[in-house]
């Protein structure tokens, strides 16, 4: 602490000529200020362990903790640990009937390029752009629906899946979610079997074991499976999210395409809308009313991105006609 004792006043003329600092030196000995002398022989320092309560964890010194954390942390530039491989689609292998595809008016991978193929190439490109924009597995789940029956939603879902499968390094799983009137396997000319509803009803059934591997490279099919009166409740359960997560987890190159019942005719489309990132609402030119379109859009509002696909249009204001280039004059 600072000492505040009084400085003795000067007694004669000679002392009066001395400065205040000089007189302070006489009083307090400022010439003795300086660092303390260090003894030559220092006693050995002993480290006293910290006192801890019985049963309390003993924390290591900060330096040791920092060293341990440094050793445990990955070195700069080291890559992240590899992610787990995606679930393999392990169902039976079947060949798609090409003649059945032609009878149904569907795309045939080996056939020449047609206007129909070019149209679906444009549609798939829009969907792929969204699917690849981020690392969101929901964006790689695409629901295809229509307001009413007969507007072409299964036709569009199947053609879209075939067109997407033509992309390099992509797996497309076409899921027949129209559990009321399933028709995907019939249109492809393959046999059905256990499928979506069976895996939802019985947690012991792995969904990947029900996925049919077709001979069209990159195309897989998950049939609708057995139907019962509780289909809507199964689709609304937490099991649906778990099943779809299993199919898309750690699989950035896998796309799910759902063919659902018409939105205004059955509830599965509205139930599945919350499990997908994109929806393709198919409407038929000159048939689907604006009121039906608005009602269907409202039912699918759980999906953040709803696109409109106009089917069976016979008029193009620009005169666009895909598939004719190369057949005549430039």
Protein backbone atom coordinates (compact mmCIF):
# COMPACT_ATOMS: atom_id res chain seq x y z
CA UNK A 1 0.00 0.00 0.00
CA UNK A 2 1.09 3.60 -0.46
CA UNK A 3 2.57 5.33 2.66
CA UNK A 4 1.21 8.77 3.39
CA UNK A 5 3.54 9.84 6.32
CA UNK A 6 4.45 13.51 6.52
CA UNK A 7 7.76 14.78 5.04
CA UNK A 8 9.83 16.79 7.57
CA UNK A 9 9.91 20.47 6.59
CA UNK A 10 13.37 22.03 5.80
CA UNK A 11 15.32 23.40 8.82
CA UNK A 12 17.87 25.74 7.15
CA UNK A 13 18.57 27.58 3.87
CA UNK A 14 20.70 24.79 2.41
CA UNK A 15 17.96 22.27 2.92
CA UNK A 16 15.37 24.65 1.46
CA UNK A 17 17.33 24.57 -1.80
CA UNK A 18 16.87 20.81 -2.03
CA UNK A 19 13.99 19.54 -4.14
CA UNK A 20 10.98 17.74 -2.81
CA UNK A 21 12.21 14.52 -4.45
CA UNK A 22 15.60 14.78 -2.73
CA UNK A 23 13.96 15.33 0.66
CA UNK A 24 11.59 12.39 -0.07
CA UNK A 25 14.64 10.26 -0.73
CA UNK A 26 15.93 11.07 2.75
CA UNK A 27 12.59 10.10 4.28
CA UNK A 28 11.74 6.96 2.32
CA UNK A 29 15.02 5.70 0.91
CA UNK A 30 14.17 5.75 -2.81
CA UNK A 31 17.71 4.62 -3.62
CA UNK A 32 16.85 1.26 -2.12
CA UNK A 33 14.03 0.55 -4.61
CA UNK A 34 14.73 -2.26 -7.13
CA UNK A 35 14.19 -5.95 -7.79
CA UNK A 36 14.67 -8.32 -4.93
CA UNK A 37 17.86 -10.36 -4.88
CA UNK A 38 17.34 -13.96 -5.94
CA UNK A 39 19.04 -16.51 -3.65
CA UNK A 40 21.60 -18.82 -5.23
CA UNK A 41 20.11 -22.05 -3.94
CA UNK A 42 16.36 -22.46 -4.35
CA UNK A 43 14.47 -25.18 -2.46
CA UNK A 44 12.97 -27.92 -4.65
CA UNK A 45 9.38 -27.08 -5.52
CA UNK A 46 6.82 -29.67 -4.57
CA UNK A 47 3.54 -29.99 -6.43
CA UNK A 48 0.62 -30.36 -4.09
CA UNK A 49 -2.23 -32.36 -5.65
CA UNK A 50 -5.59 -30.57 -5.69
CA UNK A 51 -8.02 -31.44 -2.96
CA UNK A 52 -11.08 -33.17 -4.32
CA UNK A 53 -14.12 -34.65 -2.74
CA UNK A 54 -14.52 -38.37 -2.59
CA UNK A 55 -16.04 -39.69 -5.79
CA UNK A 56 -15.55 -36.40 -7.72
CA UNK A 57 -13.74 -36.66 -11.09
CA UNK A 58 -10.16 -35.44 -11.14
CA UNK A 59 -9.64 -33.04 -14.03
CA UNK A 60 -6.20 -33.02 -15.71
CA UNK A 61 -4.25 -29.77 -15.91
CA UNK A 62 -5.23 -27.38 -18.67
CA UNK A 63 -2.01 -28.04 -20.60
CA UNK A 64 -2.59 -31.79 -20.56
CA UNK A 65 -6.22 -31.34 -21.62
CA UNK A 66 -5.21 -29.10 -24.51
CA UNK A 67 -2.60 -31.63 -25.64
CA UNK A 68 -5.11 -34.47 -25.51
CA UNK A 69 -7.67 -32.47 -27.50
CA UNK A 70 -5.02 -31.57 -30.07
CA UNK A 71 -4.09 -35.22 -30.49
CA UNK A 72 -7.73 -36.28 -30.81
CA UNK A 73 -8.63 -33.58 -33.36
CA UNK A 74 -8.08 -34.48 -37.04
CA UNK A 75 -5.11 -32.81 -38.64
CA UNK A 76 -5.69 -29.87 -40.95
CA UNK A 77 -6.69 -31.03 -44.40
CA UNK A 78 -7.78 -34.46 -43.27
CA UNK A 79 -11.00 -35.52 -44.94
CA UNK A 80 -14.25 -36.23 -43.09
CA UNK A 81 -14.92 -39.87 -42.24
CA UNK A 82 -16.63 -41.65 -45.15
CA UNK A 83 -20.39 -41.91 -44.91
CA UNK A 84 -22.14 -45.26 -44.72
CA UNK A 85 -23.03 -46.87 -48.06
CA UNK A 86 -26.66 -46.51 -49.16
CA UNK A 87 -29.09 -49.36 -48.60
CA UNK A 88 -28.80 -51.76 -51.54
CA UNK A 89 -31.98 -52.43 -53.49
CA UNK A 90 -32.10 -56.20 -53.19
CA UNK A 91 -35.45 -57.35 -54.61
CA UNK A 92 -35.95 -59.80 -57.48
CA UNK A 93 -34.73 -59.00 -61.00
CA UNK A 94 -37.29 -58.85 -63.81
CA UNK A 95 -37.26 -57.86 -67.47
CA UNK A 96 -39.57 -55.09 -68.65
CA UNK A 97 -41.77 -56.09 -71.60
CA UNK A 98 -40.90 -53.64 -74.40
CA UNK A 99 -43.99 -54.54 -76.43
CA UNK A 100 -46.12 -53.79 -73.38
CA UNK A 101 -44.45 -50.37 -73.15
CA UNK A 102 -45.33 -49.64 -76.78
CA UNK A 103 -48.95 -50.75 -76.33
CA UNK A 104 -49.27 -48.47 -73.29
CA UNK A 105 -47.75 -45.54 -75.19
CA UNK A 106 -44.75 -45.40 -72.88
CA UNK A 107 -41.12 -44.61 -73.63
CA UNK A 108 -38.93 -47.48 -74.82
CA UNK A 109 -35.26 -46.86 -74.01
CA UNK A 110 -33.94 -48.59 -77.14
CA UNK A 111 -36.30 -46.87 -79.60
CA UNK A 112 -35.34 -43.77 -81.65
CA UNK A 113 -35.78 -40.31 -80.16
CA UNK A 114 -39.36 -39.08 -80.42
CA UNK A 115 -41.22 -35.89 -79.62
CA UNK A 116 -42.62 -37.64 -76.55
CA UNK A 117 -39.12 -38.37 -75.26
CA UNK A 118 -38.02 -34.78 -75.84
CA UNK A 119 -40.99 -33.48 -73.88
CA UNK A 120 -40.16 -35.65 -70.88
CA UNK A 121 -36.50 -34.67 -71.15
CA UNK A 122 -37.56 -31.08 -70.56
CA UNK A 123 -39.75 -32.09 -67.62
CA UNK A 124 -37.02 -34.18 -65.99
CA UNK A 125 -34.44 -31.43 -66.42
CA UNK A 126 -36.55 -29.05 -64.33
CA UNK A 127 -36.95 -31.67 -61.61
CA UNK A 128 -33.28 -32.64 -61.63
CA UNK A 129 -32.23 -29.03 -61.22
CA UNK A 130 -34.16 -28.85 -57.95
CA UNK A 131 -33.02 -32.30 -56.83
CA UNK A 132 -29.36 -31.35 -57.27
CA UNK A 133 -29.60 -27.81 -55.91
CA UNK A 134 -28.88 -28.80 -52.31
CA UNK A 135 -28.20 -31.75 -50.07
CA UNK A 136 -31.84 -32.24 -49.15
CA UNK A 137 -33.08 -35.82 -49.65
CA UNK A 138 -36.67 -34.54 -49.83
CA UNK A 139 -35.88 -32.79 -53.12
CA UNK A 140 -35.03 -36.21 -54.56
CA UNK A 141 -38.55 -37.46 -53.81
CA UNK A 142 -41.04 -36.52 -56.53
CA UNK A 143 -44.79 -37.07 -56.18
CA UNK A 144 -46.86 -37.33 -59.38
CA UNK A 145 -50.57 -36.75 -58.97
CA UNK A 146 -53.67 -35.43 -60.70
CA UNK A 147 -56.94 -33.94 -59.44
CA UNK A 148 -59.18 -36.58 -61.06
CA UNK A 149 -58.80 -40.06 -62.60
CA UNK A 150 -58.08 -40.28 -66.30
CA UNK A 151 -55.83 -37.22 -66.50
CA UNK A 152 -52.62 -39.20 -67.16
CA UNK A 153 -50.76 -39.23 -63.85
CA UNK A 154 -49.57 -42.88 -64.09
CA UNK A 155 -48.61 -42.37 -67.73
CA UNK A 156 -46.55 -39.31 -66.76
CA UNK A 157 -45.02 -40.91 -63.65
CA UNK A 158 -43.87 -43.99 -65.58
CA UNK A 159 -42.47 -42.02 -68.52
CA UNK A 160 -40.74 -39.62 -66.14
CA UNK A 161 -39.09 -42.54 -64.29
CA UNK A 162 -37.86 -44.08 -67.56
CA UNK A 163 -36.51 -40.73 -68.75
CA UNK A 164 -34.75 -40.11 -65.44
CA UNK A 165 -33.18 -43.59 -65.49
CA UNK A 166 -31.41 -42.65 -68.75
CA UNK A 167 -29.26 -40.19 -66.77
CA UNK A 168 -25.80 -41.44 -65.92
CA UNK A 169 -25.15 -42.74 -62.40
CA UNK A 170 -28.75 -42.33 -61.21
CA UNK A 171 -31.02 -44.87 -59.55
CA UNK A 172 -34.74 -44.21 -60.01
CA UNK A 173 -37.25 -46.04 -57.83
CA UNK A 174 -40.76 -45.84 -59.26
CA UNK A 175 -43.10 -46.38 -56.30
CA UNK A 176 -46.67 -47.45 -56.99
CA UNK A 177 -48.43 -45.56 -54.19
CA UNK A 178 -51.84 -45.84 -55.89
CA UNK A 179 -52.83 -48.55 -53.43
CA UNK A 180 -56.48 -48.35 -54.49
CA UNK A 181 -55.86 -49.10 -58.20
CA UNK A 182 -52.20 -50.08 -58.68
CA UNK A 183 -51.16 -50.35 -62.33
CA UNK A 184 -47.42 -49.64 -62.63
CA UNK A 185 -46.30 -53.27 -62.80
CA UNK A 186 -49.00 -54.10 -65.36
CA UNK A 187 -47.96 -51.22 -67.62
CA UNK A 188 -44.34 -52.33 -67.47
CA UNK A 189 -45.22 -55.97 -68.11
CA UNK A 190 -43.63 -57.25 -64.89
CA UNK A 191 -45.03 -59.30 -62.05
CA UNK A 192 -46.09 -57.67 -58.80
CA UNK A 193 -45.32 -58.88 -55.33
CA UNK A 194 -44.78 -57.59 -51.80
CA UNK A 195 -44.41 -53.85 -51.82
CA UNK A 196 -44.99 -50.52 -50.15
CA UNK A 197 -48.04 -51.39 -48.05
CA UNK A 198 -46.57 -54.70 -46.89
CA UNK A 199 -43.44 -52.95 -45.61
CA UNK A 200 -45.58 -50.31 -43.87
CA UNK A 201 -47.81 -52.89 -42.21
CA UNK A 202 -44.98 -55.17 -41.09
CA UNK A 203 -41.79 -53.49 -39.74
CA UNK A 204 -39.99 -56.82 -40.12
CA UNK A 205 -40.14 -56.41 -43.92
CA UNK A 206 -37.24 -54.34 -45.26
CA UNK A 207 -38.53 -52.09 -48.06
CA UNK A 208 -35.39 -52.57 -50.16
CA UNK A 209 -36.12 -56.31 -50.35
CA UNK A 210 -39.39 -55.53 -52.15
CA UNK A 211 -37.84 -53.27 -54.81
CA UNK A 212 -37.80 -54.96 -58.23
CA UNK A 213 -34.59 -54.51 -60.23
CA UNK A 214 -35.53 -54.14 -63.91
CA UNK A 215 -33.37 -54.75 -66.97
CA UNK A 216 -33.65 -51.04 -67.84
CA UNK A 217 -30.43 -49.67 -66.43
CA UNK A 218 -31.08 -47.41 -63.44
CA UNK A 219 -34.81 -48.22 -63.18
CA UNK A 220 -36.26 -49.92 -60.08
CA UNK A 221 -39.91 -50.49 -59.12
CA UNK A 222 -41.52 -50.76 -55.68
CA UNK A 223 -44.99 -52.31 -56.16
CA UNK A 224 -48.00 -51.17 -54.15
CA UNK A 225 -48.23 -54.51 -52.35
CA UNK A 226 -51.26 -55.84 -50.52
CA UNK A 227 -54.12 -53.45 -49.78
CA UNK A 228 -56.48 -53.33 -46.81
CA UNK A 229 -58.93 -50.95 -45.16
CA UNK A 230 -56.18 -49.33 -43.05
CA UNK A 231 -54.00 -48.16 -45.94
CA UNK A 232 -54.59 -44.47 -45.16
CA UNK A 233 -53.65 -44.95 -41.51
CA UNK A 234 -50.45 -46.80 -42.44
CA UNK A 235 -49.44 -43.99 -44.80
CA UNK A 236 -50.13 -41.40 -42.08
CA UNK A 237 -47.97 -43.25 -39.52
CA UNK A 238 -44.37 -42.48 -38.55
CA UNK A 239 -43.37 -45.72 -40.26
CA UNK A 240 -43.77 -44.03 -43.67
CA UNK A 241 -41.08 -41.46 -42.92
CA UNK A 242 -38.77 -44.14 -41.54
CA UNK A 243 -39.24 -46.31 -44.62
CA UNK A 244 -38.55 -43.48 -47.07
CA UNK A 245 -35.57 -42.28 -45.05
CA UNK A 246 -34.12 -45.77 -45.26
CA UNK A 247 -34.39 -45.75 -49.06
CA UNK A 248 -32.80 -42.31 -49.50
CA UNK A 249 -30.30 -42.09 -46.62
CA UNK A 250 -26.71 -41.69 -47.85
CA UNK A 251 -27.96 -42.13 -51.43
CA UNK A 252 -27.53 -38.74 -53.17
CA UNK A 253 -27.91 -40.35 -56.61
CA UNK A 254 -31.19 -42.12 -55.84
CA UNK A 255 -34.51 -40.52 -56.83
CA UNK A 256 -37.95 -41.70 -55.74
CA UNK A 257 -40.93 -41.12 -58.06
CA UNK A 258 -44.38 -41.74 -56.53
CA UNK A 259 -47.47 -42.56 -58.57
CA UNK A 260 -50.32 -41.69 -56.21
CA UNK A 261 -54.11 -41.84 -56.47
CA UNK A 262 -55.91 -38.70 -57.71
CA UNK A 263 -55.82 -36.03 -55.00
CA UNK A 264 -59.58 -35.40 -55.09
CA UNK A 265 -60.47 -39.11 -55.09
CA UNK A 266 -58.35 -40.60 -52.27
CA UNK A 267 -56.19 -39.41 -49.37
CA UNK A 268 -52.76 -41.06 -50.02
CA UNK A 269 -51.53 -38.15 -52.16
CA UNK A 270 -52.16 -35.65 -49.37
CA UNK A 271 -50.51 -37.97 -46.83
CA UNK A 272 -47.37 -38.43 -48.94
CA UNK A 273 -47.08 -34.72 -49.82
CA UNK A 274 -45.38 -34.08 -46.49
CA UNK A 275 -42.67 -36.66 -47.27
CA UNK A 276 -41.56 -35.26 -50.66
CA UNK A 277 -39.78 -32.12 -51.81
CA UNK A 278 -41.37 -31.82 -55.27
CA UNK A 279 -44.83 -32.54 -56.63
CA UNK A 280 -45.88 -32.74 -60.27
CA UNK A 281 -49.59 -32.00 -60.63
CA UNK A 282 -50.84 -33.43 -63.93
CA UNK A 283 -53.89 -31.77 -65.49
CA UNK A 284 -55.53 -32.62 -68.80
CA UNK A 285 -55.98 -29.92 -71.38
CA UNK A 286 -59.58 -28.81 -71.93
CA UNK A 287 -60.84 -31.16 -69.18
CA UNK A 288 -59.46 -30.25 -65.74
CA UNK A 289 -61.32 -27.30 -64.24
CA UNK A 290 -59.62 -24.44 -62.47
CA UNK A 291 -61.58 -25.22 -59.29
CA UNK A 292 -60.33 -28.83 -59.30
CA UNK A 293 -56.78 -27.63 -59.86
CA UNK A 294 -56.98 -25.25 -56.89
CA UNK A 295 -58.49 -27.91 -54.64
CA UNK A 296 -55.77 -30.41 -55.55
CA UNK A 297 -53.04 -27.83 -55.00
CA UNK A 298 -54.44 -27.11 -51.55
CA UNK A 299 -54.45 -30.80 -50.63
CA UNK A 300 -50.79 -31.08 -51.67
CA UNK A 301 -49.75 -27.91 -49.84
CA UNK A 302 -47.51 -29.86 -47.44
CA UNK A 303 -45.10 -30.16 -50.35
CA UNK A 304 -42.98 -26.97 -50.69
CA UNK A 305 -42.62 -27.11 -54.49
CA UNK A 306 -45.63 -27.94 -56.68
CA UNK A 307 -45.20 -27.87 -60.47
CA UNK A 308 -47.95 -28.04 -63.08
CA UNK A 309 -47.79 -30.42 -66.06
CA UNK A 310 -50.31 -29.89 -68.86
CA UNK A 311 -51.08 -33.24 -70.49
CA UNK A 312 -52.67 -33.98 -73.90
CA UNK A 313 -52.23 -30.42 -75.19
CA UNK A 314 -52.78 -30.22 -78.97
CA UNK A 315 -51.87 -26.58 -79.52
CA UNK A 316 -48.57 -24.78 -79.14
CA UNK A 317 -48.59 -20.97 -79.66
CA UNK A 318 -44.95 -21.10 -80.82
CA UNK A 319 -45.47 -24.02 -83.19
CA UNK A 320 -43.12 -26.24 -81.18
CA UNK A 321 -42.89 -29.80 -82.52
CA UNK A 322 -40.23 -31.97 -80.93
CA UNK A 323 -38.94 -35.11 -82.62
CA UNK A 324 -39.12 -33.91 -86.26
CA UNK A 325 -35.66 -32.34 -86.47
CA UNK A 326 -33.40 -34.36 -88.78
CA UNK A 327 -36.24 -35.92 -90.76
CA UNK A 328 -36.54 -33.15 -93.35
CA UNK A 329 -34.91 -29.92 -94.42
CA UNK A 330 -33.13 -27.68 -91.94
